[in-house]
Amino acid sequence: MSNSTNFRFGFCASLTSIILMFSAGCVEKQKIGAVDLYVDAVMLRENNENEKAAEKLNKSIEINNRFSLAYSLLGEIYQGMKDYDKSAVYYEKATKLNPWSFKDYFNLGRVCQLVNKFAYAIKAYSTACELNPNHLQANVNTAVCYYEIRDYNNALAYGKKAEQIDPNVSELQKVLGDIYESQKDYEQAVRYYKRALEMDGNDPAIMTSLAAAYLRTNSNEPAKELLTTVIKMQPDNGTAYKYLGYCCLQLGRADESIENYNKAIEINDKDWDAHRGLGVACILKGKNQDGTVERSMKDEAVKHWRLSLDLRPDQPNSDKLIKLIRAYSK
C-alpha cells in the first residue's frame, strides 16, 4: 500500500471517529437537556403550575422520546387534573419504557378504574401485584375491578390475598362482603359487613349493605333497625327507603311498605325495582278477608308494574311480572 493510500485511509478513519464522537456528544447534550426540562417540570409541579410543567415535559419528550420519568410525571399531572384518559396514555407509555415500575402500573390501573375501563385496570393492577405482591391497595383494587366485571372467583382470590396482608381495613371487609353477596353466600356477606361496620361504625353504605344481606336471610328486624338509622343520617337515601319498603313488606306492614316505596320513588322515579315492590305492597294492602283485592289497589299495582317494565324490560323474572299484570288487570 502506498504512502498516499495510507494517508487517505488514516484520514478517513480519523474523520469517522471525530464524527461519531461529535454525534455522541450531541446525543449526550440532548439527554442532559431533556433532564433539565424534567427538573424544571418537577419544580413547576410542586408550585401547582401544571400546564407549564406539562409544556416542559412535552419538550423533554421531543428531545428524548424514551424518557420514562417524563411520561410518568405527565400521567401524574393529568391524573391530578382529572383528565384520566390522557393520563392513561402517558402512564401506559411509561410502563412500556420501564416495565419494572410498580408505581406506573398501579397508577395506570387507577385511572382506568376511574373511567370504568375495568378490563384495562385489571391488566395494569395484576402486573403491579406481580411486581409487589404484598401491596395492600393493589390487591384490593384488583378485587374491586374483578367484582365490577362479575368475575367473582378472581375477585375473591385477590380479596383474600389482601386480607392476608392486612385484615383490619374496613374497605376490604366491605369488598369481601359485596363479593360474597354477589355469590349468594349471604351468611358470609353478613359476617364481612359486620366486621366492616365494627371498624367504621358510621358508614351508611356499609349499614345499607348489611341490611340488604340481612333481608336475604329473612332477618327483617335487624335490617329494619339499620335502615332506619341510615335514613336518619341520610334523609335522601332512596336505596335505604326502597329496602325498608321491602322489609316492611316482609313483616306484613303494607301501609309502612307503601310509604317507604313512595319515598324511594320520590327521590328517584326511575327506580324500576321500587315501582315493582310498590305494586306488590298495593296488592297486600288491598287484600280482603275473602282473598279478593280491591279494584283501586289492583289498578295502582298494575300502574307501577307497567312503569317498572318500561324502565327495565329485561329485569329478572319479567315473565312473572307480565303474568301478574295480566291477572290483576281483569
C-alpha atoms as a PDB file:
ATOM      1  CA  MET A   1       0.000   0.000   0.000  1.00  0.00           C
ATOM      2  CA  SER A   2       1.412   3.432  -0.996  1.00  0.00           C
ATOM      3  CA  ASN A   3       2.030   6.253   1.447  1.00  0.00           C
ATOM      4  CA  SER A   4      -0.750   8.324  -0.160  1.00  0.00           C
ATOM      5  CA  THR A   5      -3.213   5.469   0.214  1.00  0.00           C
ATOM      6  CA  ASN A   6      -2.232   5.024   3.864  1.00  0.00           C
ATOM      7  CA  PHE A   7      -2.714   8.724   4.432  1.00  0.00           C
ATOM      8  CA  ARG A   8      -6.202   8.730   2.870  1.00  0.00           C
ATOM      9  CA  PHE A   9      -7.242   5.656   4.865  1.00  0.00           C
ATOM     10  CA  GLY A  10      -5.946   7.131   8.114  1.00  0.00           C
ATOM     11  CA  PHE A  11      -7.573  10.465   7.457  1.00  0.00           C
ATOM     12  CA  CYS A  12     -10.985   8.849   6.736  1.00  0.00           C
ATOM     13  CA  ALA A  13     -10.770   6.702   9.877  1.00  0.00           C
ATOM     14  CA  SER A  14      -9.913   9.732  11.989  1.00  0.00           C
ATOM     15  CA  LEU A  15     -12.721  11.752  10.441  1.00  0.00           C
ATOM     16  CA  THR A  16     -15.210   8.960  11.125  1.00  0.00           C
ATOM     17  CA  SER A  17     -14.097   8.802  14.763  1.00  0.00           C
ATOM     18  CA  ILE A  18     -14.465  12.571  15.105  1.00  0.00           C
ATOM     19  CA  ILE A  19     -17.986  12.450  13.598  1.00  0.00           C
ATOM     20  CA  LEU A  20     -19.016   9.609  15.913  1.00  0.00           C
ATOM     21  CA  MET A  21     -17.604  11.405  18.939  1.00  0.00           C
ATOM     22  CA  PHE A  22     -19.355  14.607  17.918  1.00  0.00           C
ATOM     23  CA  SER A  23     -22.668  12.756  17.385  1.00  0.00           C
ATOM     24  CA  ALA A  24     -22.358  11.001  20.741  1.00  0.00           C
ATOM     25  CA  GLY A  25     -21.620  14.338  22.347  1.00  0.00           C
ATOM     26  CA  CYS A  26     -24.715  15.872  20.749  1.00  0.00           C
ATOM     27  CA  VAL A  27     -26.907  12.971  21.898  1.00  0.00           C
ATOM     28  CA  GLU A  28     -25.483  13.263  25.398  1.00  0.00           C
ATOM     29  CA  LYS A  29     -26.150  17.006  25.426  1.00  0.00           C
ATOM     30  CA  GLN A  30     -29.700  16.360  24.220  1.00  0.00           C
ATOM     31  CA  LYS A  31     -30.289  13.886  27.044  1.00  0.00           C
ATOM     32  CA  ILE A  32     -28.937  16.388  29.539  1.00  0.00           C
ATOM     33  CA  GLY A  33     -31.310  18.989  28.066  1.00  0.00           C
ATOM     34  CA  ALA A  34     -34.232  16.586  28.495  1.00  0.00           C
ATOM     35  CA  VAL A  35     -33.295  16.017  32.139  1.00  0.00           C
ATOM     36  CA  ASP A  36     -33.020  19.769  32.741  1.00  0.00           C
ATOM     37  CA  LEU A  37     -36.524  20.260  31.358  1.00  0.00           C
ATOM     38  CA  TYR A  38     -37.778  17.426  33.559  1.00  0.00           C
ATOM     39  CA  VAL A  39     -36.255  19.039  36.658  1.00  0.00           C
ATOM     40  CA  ASP A  40     -37.919  22.336  35.720  1.00  0.00           C
ATOM     41  CA  ALA A  41     -41.235  20.496  35.354  1.00  0.00           C
ATOM     42  CA  VAL A  42     -40.873  18.930  38.800  1.00  0.00           C
ATOM     43  CA  MET A  43     -40.394  22.368  40.338  1.00  0.00           C
ATOM     44  CA  LEU A  44     -43.383  23.774  38.449  1.00  0.00           C
ATOM     45  CA  ARG A  45     -45.460  20.780  39.549  1.00  0.00           C
ATOM     46  CA  GLU A  46     -44.567  21.465  43.179  1.00  0.00           C
ATOM     47  CA  ASN A  47     -45.860  25.022  42.699  1.00  0.00           C
ATOM     48  CA  ASN A  48     -49.115  23.691  41.174  1.00  0.00           C
ATOM     49  CA  GLU A  49     -48.251  25.163  37.777  1.00  0.00           C
ATOM     50  CA  ASN A  50     -49.395  22.031  35.999  1.00  0.00           C
ATOM     51  CA  GLU A  51     -49.883  23.410  32.484  1.00  0.00           C
ATOM     52  CA  LYS A  52     -46.395  24.913  32.414  1.00  0.00           C
ATOM     53  CA  ALA A  53     -44.978  21.681  33.817  1.00  0.00           C
ATOM     54  CA  ALA A  54     -46.714  19.703  31.049  1.00  0.00           C
ATOM     55  CA  GLU A  55     -45.189  22.016  28.418  1.00  0.00           C
ATOM     56  CA  LYS A  56     -41.693  21.390  29.812  1.00  0.00           C
ATOM     57  CA  LEU A  57     -42.262  17.660  29.852  1.00  0.00           C
ATOM     58  CA  ASN A  58     -43.535  17.579  26.282  1.00  0.00           C
ATOM     59  CA  LYS A  59     -40.383  19.413  25.192  1.00  0.00           C
ATOM     60  CA  SER A  60     -38.340  16.933  27.190  1.00  0.00           C
ATOM     61  CA  ILE A  61     -40.000  14.051  25.335  1.00  0.00           C
ATOM     62  CA  GLU A  62     -39.356  15.736  21.991  1.00  0.00           C
ATOM     63  CA  ILE A  63     -35.635  15.632  22.828  1.00  0.00           C
ATOM     64  CA  ASN A  64     -35.684  12.116  24.300  1.00  0.00           C
ATOM     65  CA  ASN A  65     -38.758  10.070  23.448  1.00  0.00           C
ATOM     66  CA  ARG A  66     -37.593   7.216  25.682  1.00  0.00           C
ATOM     67  CA  PHE A  67     -37.513   9.266  28.879  1.00  0.00           C
ATOM     68  CA  SER A  68     -39.880   7.191  31.037  1.00  0.00           C
ATOM     69  CA  LEU A  69     -39.845   9.579  34.003  1.00  0.00           C
ATOM     70  CA  ALA A  70     -41.221  12.375  31.827  1.00  0.00           C
ATOM     71  CA  TYR A  71     -44.132  10.207  30.671  1.00  0.00           C
ATOM     72  CA  SER A  72     -44.780   9.117  34.253  1.00  0.00           C
ATOM     73  CA  LEU A  73     -44.925  12.704  35.523  1.00  0.00           C
ATOM     74  CA  LEU A  74     -47.245  13.691  32.669  1.00  0.00           C
ATOM     75  CA  GLY A  75     -49.523  10.844  33.733  1.00  0.00           C
ATOM     76  CA  GLU A  76     -49.447  12.153  37.289  1.00  0.00           C
ATOM     77  CA  ILE A  77     -50.201  15.733  36.181  1.00  0.00           C
ATOM     78  CA  TYR A  78     -53.193  14.756  34.044  1.00  0.00           C
ATOM     79  CA  GLN A  79     -54.431  12.425  36.771  1.00  0.00           C
ATOM     80  CA  GLY A  80     -54.411  15.385  39.147  1.00  0.00           C
ATOM     81  CA  MET A  81     -56.282  17.437  36.544  1.00  0.00           C
ATOM     82  CA  LYS A  82     -58.856  14.581  36.290  1.00  0.00           C
ATOM     83  CA  ASP A  83     -58.123  14.065  32.600  1.00  0.00           C
ATOM     84  CA  TYR A  84     -57.963  10.332  33.170  1.00  0.00           C
ATOM     85  CA  ASP A  85     -57.930   9.215  29.532  1.00  0.00           C
ATOM     86  CA  LYS A  86     -54.900  11.370  28.720  1.00  0.00           C
ATOM     87  CA  SER A  87     -53.271  10.310  31.977  1.00  0.00           C
ATOM     88  CA  ALA A  88     -53.679   6.649  30.999  1.00  0.00           C
ATOM     89  CA  VAL A  89     -51.919   7.259  27.674  1.00  0.00           C
ATOM     90  CA  TYR A  90     -48.823   8.614  29.408  1.00  0.00           C
ATOM     91  CA  TYR A  91     -48.771   6.013  32.174  1.00  0.00           C
ATOM     92  CA  GLU A  92     -49.025   3.249  29.580  1.00  0.00           C
ATOM     93  CA  LYS A  93     -46.072   4.701  27.674  1.00  0.00           C
ATOM     94  CA  ALA A  94     -44.110   4.876  30.932  1.00  0.00           C
ATOM     95  CA  THR A  95     -44.811   1.196  31.667  1.00  0.00           C
ATOM     96  CA  LYS A  96     -43.620   0.163  28.212  1.00  0.00           C
ATOM     97  CA  LEU A  97     -40.361   2.053  28.671  1.00  0.00           C
ATOM     98  CA  ASN A  98     -39.924   0.888  32.260  1.00  0.00           C
ATOM     99  CA  PRO A  99     -41.735  -2.452  32.739  1.00  0.00           C
ATOM    100  CA  TRP A 100     -40.437  -2.740  36.329  1.00  0.00           C
ATOM    101  CA  SER A 101     -42.189   0.392  37.562  1.00  0.00           C
ATOM    102  CA  PHE A 102     -44.808  -0.664  40.128  1.00  0.00           C
ATOM    103  CA  LYS A 103     -45.895   2.946  40.569  1.00  0.00           C
ATOM    104  CA  ASP A 104     -46.730   3.441  36.882  1.00  0.00           C
ATOM    105  CA  TYR A 105     -48.669   0.173  36.602  1.00  0.00           C
ATOM    106  CA  PHE A 106     -50.602   0.962  39.782  1.00  0.00           C
ATOM    107  CA  ASN A 107     -51.470   4.478  38.612  1.00  0.00           C
ATOM    108  CA  LEU A 108     -52.421   3.191  35.156  1.00  0.00           C
ATOM    109  CA  GLY A 109     -54.816   0.792  36.840  1.00  0.00           C
ATOM    110  CA  ARG A 110     -56.205   3.588  38.985  1.00  0.00           C
ATOM    111  CA  VAL A 111     -57.013   5.991  36.141  1.00  0.00           C
ATOM    112  CA  CYS A 112     -58.541   3.171  34.070  1.00  0.00           C
ATOM    113  CA  GLN A 113     -60.682   2.195  37.066  1.00  0.00           C
ATOM    114  CA  LEU A 114     -61.871   5.789  37.464  1.00  0.00           C
ATOM    115  CA  VAL A 115     -63.283   5.790  33.900  1.00  0.00           C
ATOM    116  CA  ASN A 116     -64.791   2.296  34.357  1.00  0.00           C
ATOM    117  CA  LYS A 117     -62.355   0.589  31.968  1.00  0.00           C
ATOM    118  CA  PHE A 118     -62.133  -2.333  34.328  1.00  0.00           C
ATOM    119  CA  ALA A 119     -60.514  -4.845  31.967  1.00  0.00           C
ATOM    120  CA  TYR A 120     -57.615  -2.442  31.309  1.00  0.00           C
ATOM    121  CA  ALA A 121     -57.415  -1.651  35.016  1.00  0.00           C
ATOM    122  CA  ILE A 122     -57.193  -5.355  35.874  1.00  0.00           C
ATOM    123  CA  LYS A 123     -54.340  -5.854  33.413  1.00  0.00           C
ATOM    124  CA  ALA A 124     -52.373  -2.991  34.963  1.00  0.00           C
ATOM    125  CA  TYR A 125     -53.197  -3.824  38.596  1.00  0.00           C
ATOM    126  CA  SER A 126     -52.385  -7.526  38.199  1.00  0.00           C
ATOM    127  CA  THR A 127     -48.941  -6.600  36.833  1.00  0.00           C
ATOM    128  CA  ALA A 128     -48.491  -4.226  39.772  1.00  0.00           C
ATOM    129  CA  CYS A 129     -49.346  -7.123  42.099  1.00  0.00           C
ATOM    130  CA  GLU A 130     -46.739  -9.301  40.382  1.00  0.00           C
ATOM    131  CA  LEU A 131     -44.132  -6.586  40.934  1.00  0.00           C
ATOM    132  CA  ASN A 132     -45.170  -6.027  44.547  1.00  0.00           C
ATOM    133  CA  PRO A 133     -47.285  -8.990  45.747  1.00  0.00           C
ATOM    134  CA  ASN A 134     -47.771  -7.605  49.259  1.00  0.00           C
ATOM    135  CA  HIS A 135     -49.116  -4.205  48.304  1.00  0.00           C
ATOM    136  CA  LEU A 136     -52.493  -3.973  50.039  1.00  0.00           C
ATOM    137  CA  GLN A 137     -54.250  -1.385  47.863  1.00  0.00           C
ATOM    138  CA  ALA A 138     -53.133  -3.003  44.610  1.00  0.00           C
ATOM    139  CA  ASN A 139     -54.747  -6.282  45.681  1.00  0.00           C
ATOM    140  CA  VAL A 140     -57.895  -4.542  46.961  1.00  0.00           C
ATOM    141  CA  ASN A 141     -58.320  -2.552  43.747  1.00  0.00           C
ATOM    142  CA  THR A 142     -57.802  -5.640  41.601  1.00  0.00           C
ATOM    143  CA  ALA A 143     -60.502  -7.414  43.604  1.00  0.00           C
ATOM    144  CA  VAL A 144     -62.864  -4.464  43.125  1.00  0.00           C
ATOM    145  CA  CYS A 145     -62.309  -4.400  39.358  1.00  0.00           C
ATOM    146  CA  TYR A 146     -62.891  -8.142  39.011  1.00  0.00           C
ATOM    147  CA  TYR A 147     -66.062  -7.665  41.064  1.00  0.00           C
ATOM    148  CA  GLU A 148     -67.224  -4.953  38.661  1.00  0.00           C
ATOM    149  CA  ILE A 149     -66.939  -7.312  35.671  1.00  0.00           C
ATOM    150  CA  ARG A 150     -68.658 -10.055  37.723  1.00  0.00           C
ATOM    151  CA  ASP A 151     -65.648 -12.343  37.823  1.00  0.00           C
ATOM    152  CA  TYR A 152     -66.295 -13.227  41.428  1.00  0.00           C
ATOM    153  CA  ASN A 153     -63.772 -16.073  41.688  1.00  0.00           C
ATOM    154  CA  ASN A 154     -60.821 -13.842  40.781  1.00  0.00           C
ATOM    155  CA  ALA A 155     -62.294 -11.023  42.865  1.00  0.00           C
ATOM    156  CA  LEU A 156     -62.360 -13.332  45.871  1.00  0.00           C
ATOM    157  CA  ALA A 157     -58.802 -14.572  45.232  1.00  0.00           C
ATOM    158  CA  TYR A 158     -57.374 -11.036  45.298  1.00  0.00           C
ATOM    159  CA  GLY A 159     -59.638 -10.048  48.174  1.00  0.00           C
ATOM    160  CA  LYS A 160     -58.439 -12.961  50.305  1.00  0.00           C
ATOM    161  CA  LYS A 161     -54.823 -12.144  49.405  1.00  0.00           C
ATOM    162  CA  ALA A 162     -55.406  -8.578  50.607  1.00  0.00           C
ATOM    163  CA  GLU A 163     -56.956  -9.929  53.802  1.00  0.00           C
ATOM    164  CA  GLN A 164     -53.780 -11.921  54.457  1.00  0.00           C
ATOM    165  CA  ILE A 165     -51.772  -8.708  54.112  1.00  0.00           C
ATOM    166  CA  ASP A 166     -53.982  -6.686  56.483  1.00  0.00           C
ATOM    167  CA  PRO A 167     -57.420  -7.838  57.686  1.00  0.00           C
ATOM    168  CA  ASN A 168     -58.071  -4.652  59.656  1.00  0.00           C
ATOM    169  CA  VAL A 169     -59.270  -2.487  56.760  1.00  0.00           C
ATOM    170  CA  SER A 170     -62.979  -1.645  56.576  1.00  0.00           C
ATOM    171  CA  GLU A 171     -62.864  -1.030  52.817  1.00  0.00           C
ATOM    172  CA  LEU A 172     -61.539  -4.558  52.274  1.00  0.00           C
ATOM    173  CA  GLN A 173     -64.151  -6.145  54.541  1.00  0.00           C
ATOM    174  CA  LYS A 174     -66.856  -4.278  52.618  1.00  0.00           C
ATOM    175  CA  VAL A 175     -65.442  -5.504  49.290  1.00  0.00           C
ATOM    176  CA  LEU A 176     -65.395  -9.107  50.515  1.00  0.00           C
ATOM    177  CA  GLY A 177     -68.971  -8.687  51.744  1.00  0.00           C
ATOM    178  CA  ASP A 178     -70.005  -7.453  48.291  1.00  0.00           C
ATOM    179  CA  ILE A 179     -68.302 -10.415  46.614  1.00  0.00           C
ATOM    180  CA  TYR A 180     -69.970 -12.982  48.878  1.00  0.00           C
ATOM    181  CA  GLU A 181     -73.331 -11.234  48.468  1.00  0.00           C
ATOM    182  CA  SER A 182     -72.993 -11.491  44.678  1.00  0.00           C
ATOM    183  CA  GLN A 183     -72.168 -15.195  45.056  1.00  0.00           C
ATOM    184  CA  LYS A 184     -75.356 -15.539  47.147  1.00  0.00           C
ATOM    185  CA  ASP A 185     -73.357 -16.629  50.174  1.00  0.00           C
ATOM    186  CA  TYR A 186     -75.356 -14.310  52.408  1.00  0.00           C
ATOM    187  CA  GLU A 187     -74.106 -15.643  55.728  1.00  0.00           C
ATOM    188  CA  GLN A 188     -70.522 -14.857  54.754  1.00  0.00           C
ATOM    189  CA  ALA A 189     -71.651 -11.497  53.399  1.00  0.00           C
ATOM    190  CA  VAL A 190     -73.258 -10.652  56.757  1.00  0.00           C
ATOM    191  CA  ARG A 191     -70.068 -11.707  58.543  1.00  0.00           C
ATOM    192  CA  TYR A 192     -67.851  -9.411  56.483  1.00  0.00           C
ATOM    193  CA  TYR A 193     -70.260  -6.460  56.517  1.00  0.00           C
ATOM    194  CA  LYS A 194     -70.486  -6.720  60.306  1.00  0.00           C
ATOM    195  CA  ARG A 195     -66.702  -6.698  60.574  1.00  0.00           C
ATOM    196  CA  ALA A 196     -66.546  -3.660  58.304  1.00  0.00           C
ATOM    197  CA  LEU A 197     -69.149  -1.925  60.458  1.00  0.00           C
ATOM    198  CA  GLU A 198     -67.155  -2.700  63.595  1.00  0.00           C
ATOM    199  CA  MET A 199     -64.202  -0.897  62.027  1.00  0.00           C
ATOM    200  CA  ASP A 200     -66.208   2.010  60.612  1.00  0.00           C
ATOM    201  CA  GLY A 201     -69.466   2.217  62.528  1.00  0.00           C
ATOM    202  CA  ASN A 202     -70.673   5.478  60.990  1.00  0.00           C
ATOM    203  CA  ASP A 203     -70.639   4.436  57.326  1.00  0.00           C
ATOM    204  CA  PRO A 204     -74.209   4.437  55.902  1.00  0.00           C
ATOM    205  CA  ALA A 205     -73.070   2.468  52.828  1.00  0.00           C
ATOM    206  CA  ILE A 206     -71.901  -0.428  54.994  1.00  0.00           C
ATOM    207  CA  MET A 207     -75.109  -0.280  57.065  1.00  0.00           C
ATOM    208  CA  THR A 208     -77.214  -0.408  53.900  1.00  0.00           C
ATOM    209  CA  SER A 209     -75.254  -3.358  52.505  1.00  0.00           C
ATOM    210  CA  LEU A 210     -75.530  -5.241  55.804  1.00  0.00           C
ATOM    211  CA  ALA A 211     -79.259  -4.543  55.940  1.00  0.00           C
ATOM    212  CA  ALA A 212     -79.683  -5.909  52.397  1.00  0.00           C
ATOM    213  CA  ALA A 213     -77.786  -9.081  53.374  1.00  0.00           C
ATOM    214  CA  TYR A 214     -79.989  -9.433  56.463  1.00  0.00           C
ATOM    215  CA  LEU A 215     -83.064  -9.202  54.239  1.00  0.00           C
ATOM    216  CA  ARG A 216     -81.674 -12.020  52.090  1.00  0.00           C
ATOM    217  CA  THR A 217     -81.537 -14.227  55.195  1.00  0.00           C
ATOM    218  CA  ASN A 218     -85.011 -13.126  56.407  1.00  0.00           C
ATOM    219  CA  SER A 219     -83.510 -11.256  59.371  1.00  0.00           C
ATOM    220  CA  ASN A 220     -86.000  -8.457  58.925  1.00  0.00           C
ATOM    221  CA  GLU A 221     -85.972  -6.759  62.326  1.00  0.00           C
ATOM    222  CA  PRO A 222     -82.203  -6.048  62.428  1.00  0.00           C
ATOM    223  CA  ALA A 223     -82.453  -4.917  58.801  1.00  0.00           C
ATOM    224  CA  LYS A 224     -85.252  -2.503  59.721  1.00  0.00           C
ATOM    225  CA  GLU A 225     -83.225  -1.081  62.596  1.00  0.00           C
ATOM    226  CA  LEU A 226     -80.183  -0.478  60.386  1.00  0.00           C
ATOM    227  CA  LEU A 227     -82.185   1.108  57.569  1.00  0.00           C
ATOM    228  CA  THR A 228     -83.997   3.422  59.961  1.00  0.00           C
ATOM    229  CA  THR A 229     -80.614   4.597  61.245  1.00  0.00           C
ATOM    230  CA  VAL A 230     -79.352   5.155  57.700  1.00  0.00           C
ATOM    231  CA  ILE A 231     -82.380   7.274  56.818  1.00  0.00           C
ATOM    232  CA  LYS A 232     -81.842   9.437  59.908  1.00  0.00           C
ATOM    233  CA  MET A 233     -78.283  10.028  58.741  1.00  0.00           C
ATOM    234  CA  GLN A 234     -79.178  10.396  55.030  1.00  0.00           C
ATOM    235  CA  PRO A 235     -82.812  11.512  54.544  1.00  0.00           C
ATOM    236  CA  ASP A 236     -82.363  11.423  50.751  1.00  0.00           C
ATOM    237  CA  ASN A 237     -81.063   7.849  50.564  1.00  0.00           C
ATOM    238  CA  GLY A 238     -83.537   6.327  48.111  1.00  0.00           C
ATOM    239  CA  THR A 239     -81.953   2.885  48.285  1.00  0.00           C
ATOM    240  CA  ALA A 240     -82.454   2.740  52.061  1.00  0.00           C
ATOM    241  CA  TYR A 241     -86.129   3.694  51.660  1.00  0.00           C
ATOM    242  CA  LYS A 242     -86.559   1.008  48.989  1.00  0.00           C
ATOM    243  CA  TYR A 243     -85.027  -1.682  51.184  1.00  0.00           C
ATOM    244  CA  LEU A 244     -87.126  -0.503  54.103  1.00  0.00           C
ATOM    245  CA  GLY A 245     -90.191  -0.805  51.891  1.00  0.00           C
ATOM    246  CA  TYR A 246     -89.270  -4.415  51.145  1.00  0.00           C
ATOM    247  CA  CYS A 247     -88.505  -5.048  54.805  1.00  0.00           C
ATOM    248  CA  CYS A 248     -91.932  -3.795  55.902  1.00  0.00           C
ATOM    249  CA  LEU A 249     -93.491  -5.902  53.149  1.00  0.00           C
ATOM    250  CA  GLN A 250     -91.805  -8.991  54.592  1.00  0.00           C
ATOM    251  CA  LEU A 251     -93.098  -8.042  58.037  1.00  0.00           C
ATOM    252  CA  GLY A 252     -96.647  -7.706  56.668  1.00  0.00           C
ATOM    253  CA  ARG A 253     -96.846  -3.946  57.244  1.00  0.00           C
ATOM    254  CA  ALA A 254     -98.377  -2.854  53.967  1.00  0.00           C
ATOM    255  CA  ASP A 255     -99.015   0.789  54.875  1.00  0.00           C
ATOM    256  CA  GLU A 256     -95.410   1.326  56.016  1.00  0.00           C
ATOM    257  CA  SER A 257     -94.149  -0.513  52.942  1.00  0.00           C
ATOM    258  CA  ILE A 258     -96.146   1.734  50.594  1.00  0.00           C
ATOM    259  CA  GLU A 259     -94.969   4.840  52.447  1.00  0.00           C
ATOM    260  CA  ASN A 260     -91.292   3.879  52.109  1.00  0.00           C
ATOM    261  CA  TYR A 261     -91.547   2.755  48.489  1.00  0.00           C
ATOM    262  CA  ASN A 262     -93.257   6.039  47.613  1.00  0.00           C
ATOM    263  CA  LYS A 263     -90.452   7.937  49.303  1.00  0.00           C
ATOM    264  CA  ALA A 264     -87.870   5.964  47.325  1.00  0.00           C
ATOM    265  CA  ILE A 265     -89.693   6.800  44.077  1.00  0.00           C
ATOM    266  CA  GLU A 266     -89.994  10.448  45.091  1.00  0.00           C
ATOM    267  CA  ILE A 267     -86.197  10.526  45.389  1.00  0.00           C
ATOM    268  CA  ASN A 268     -85.644   8.512  42.184  1.00  0.00           C
ATOM    269  CA  ASP A 269     -88.668   7.948  39.965  1.00  0.00           C
ATOM    270  CA  LYS A 270     -86.536   5.833  37.595  1.00  0.00           C
ATOM    271  CA  ASP A 271     -86.021   3.090  40.193  1.00  0.00           C
ATOM    272  CA  TRP A 272     -87.714   0.140  38.456  1.00  0.00           C
ATOM    273  CA  ASP A 273     -87.237  -2.102  41.482  1.00  0.00           C
ATOM    274  CA  ALA A 274     -89.053   0.332  43.784  1.00  0.00           C
ATOM    275  CA  HIS A 275     -92.006   0.519  41.361  1.00  0.00           C
ATOM    276  CA  ARG A 276     -92.131  -3.263  41.266  1.00  0.00           C
ATOM    277  CA  GLY A 277     -92.085  -3.549  45.061  1.00  0.00           C
ATOM    278  CA  LEU A 278     -94.704  -0.841  45.438  1.00  0.00           C
ATOM    279  CA  GLY A 279     -97.034  -2.822  43.196  1.00  0.00           C
ATOM    280  CA  VAL A 280     -96.717  -5.859  45.462  1.00  0.00           C
ATOM    281  CA  ALA A 281     -97.333  -3.678  48.544  1.00  0.00           C
ATOM    282  CA  CYS A 282    -100.510  -2.308  46.955  1.00  0.00           C
ATOM    283  CA  ILE A 283    -101.851  -5.832  46.399  1.00  0.00           C
ATOM    284  CA  LEU A 284    -101.076  -6.733  50.040  1.00  0.00           C
ATOM    285  CA  LYS A 285    -102.862  -3.617  51.282  1.00  0.00           C
ATOM    286  CA  GLY A 286    -105.879  -4.188  49.046  1.00  0.00           C
ATOM    287  CA  LYS A 287    -106.499  -7.811  50.014  1.00  0.00           C
ATOM    288  CA  ASN A 288    -109.856  -8.563  51.610  1.00  0.00           C
ATOM    289  CA  GLN A 289    -110.554 -11.366  54.040  1.00  0.00           C
ATOM    290  CA  ASP A 290    -112.102 -13.468  51.278  1.00  0.00           C
ATOM    291  CA  GLY A 291    -108.882 -13.255  49.231  1.00  0.00           C
ATOM    292  CA  THR A 292    -110.145 -10.719  46.691  1.00  0.00           C
ATOM    293  CA  VAL A 293    -108.310  -7.452  46.064  1.00  0.00           C
ATOM    294  CA  GLU A 294    -109.877  -4.000  45.944  1.00  0.00           C
ATOM    295  CA  ARG A 295    -110.119  -2.642  42.404  1.00  0.00           C
ATOM    296  CA  SER A 296    -108.353   0.626  43.238  1.00  0.00           C
ATOM    297  CA  MET A 297    -105.357  -1.250  44.701  1.00  0.00           C
ATOM    298  CA  LYS A 298    -105.251  -3.568  41.678  1.00  0.00           C
ATOM    299  CA  ASP A 299    -105.107  -0.576  39.349  1.00  0.00           C
ATOM    300  CA  GLU A 300    -102.395   1.096  41.415  1.00  0.00           C
ATOM    301  CA  ALA A 301    -100.322  -2.107  41.441  1.00  0.00           C
ATOM    302  CA  VAL A 302    -100.656  -2.623  37.680  1.00  0.00           C
ATOM    303  CA  LYS A 303     -99.680   1.003  37.047  1.00  0.00           C
ATOM    304  CA  HIS A 304     -96.418   0.622  38.952  1.00  0.00           C
ATOM    305  CA  TRP A 305     -95.637  -2.793  37.478  1.00  0.00           C
ATOM    306  CA  ARG A 306     -96.017  -1.392  33.984  1.00  0.00           C
ATOM    307  CA  LEU A 307     -93.764   1.529  34.895  1.00  0.00           C
ATOM    308  CA  SER A 308     -91.236  -0.959  36.220  1.00  0.00           C
ATOM    309  CA  LEU A 309     -91.236  -2.887  32.933  1.00  0.00           C
ATOM    310  CA  ASP A 310     -90.999   0.313  30.905  1.00  0.00           C
ATOM    311  CA  LEU A 311     -87.926   1.353  32.916  1.00  0.00           C
ATOM    312  CA  ARG A 312     -86.269  -2.051  32.622  1.00  0.00           C
ATOM    313  CA  PRO A 313     -87.873  -4.515  30.207  1.00  0.00           C
ATOM    314  CA  ASP A 314     -85.132  -7.132  30.776  1.00  0.00           C
ATOM    315  CA  GLN A 315     -85.424  -7.186  34.573  1.00  0.00           C
ATOM    316  CA  PRO A 316     -85.163 -10.530  36.406  1.00  0.00           C
ATOM    317  CA  ASN A 317     -88.392 -12.584  36.362  1.00  0.00           C
ATOM    318  CA  SER A 318     -90.033 -10.165  33.941  1.00  0.00           C
ATOM    319  CA  ASP A 319     -92.242 -13.017  32.691  1.00  0.00           C
ATOM    320  CA  LYS A 320     -93.750 -13.404  36.173  1.00  0.00           C
ATOM    321  CA  LEU A 321     -94.424  -9.681  36.350  1.00  0.00           C
ATOM    322  CA  ILE A 322     -96.194  -9.786  32.974  1.00  0.00           C
ATOM    323  CA  LYS A 323     -98.412 -12.614  34.274  1.00  0.00           C
ATOM    324  CA  LEU A 324     -99.248 -10.566  37.378  1.00  0.00           C
ATOM    325  CA  ILE A 325    -100.190  -7.566  35.222  1.00  0.00           C
ATOM    326  CA  ARG A 326    -102.490  -9.735  33.122  1.00  0.00           C
ATOM    327  CA  ALA A 327    -104.035 -11.375  36.197  1.00  0.00           C
ATOM    328  CA  TYR A 328    -104.770  -8.145  38.069  1.00  0.00           C
ATOM    329  CA  SER A 329    -105.851  -6.144  35.015  1.00  0.00           C
ATOM    330  CA  LYS A 330    -109.025  -8.241  34.744  1.00  0.00           C
END
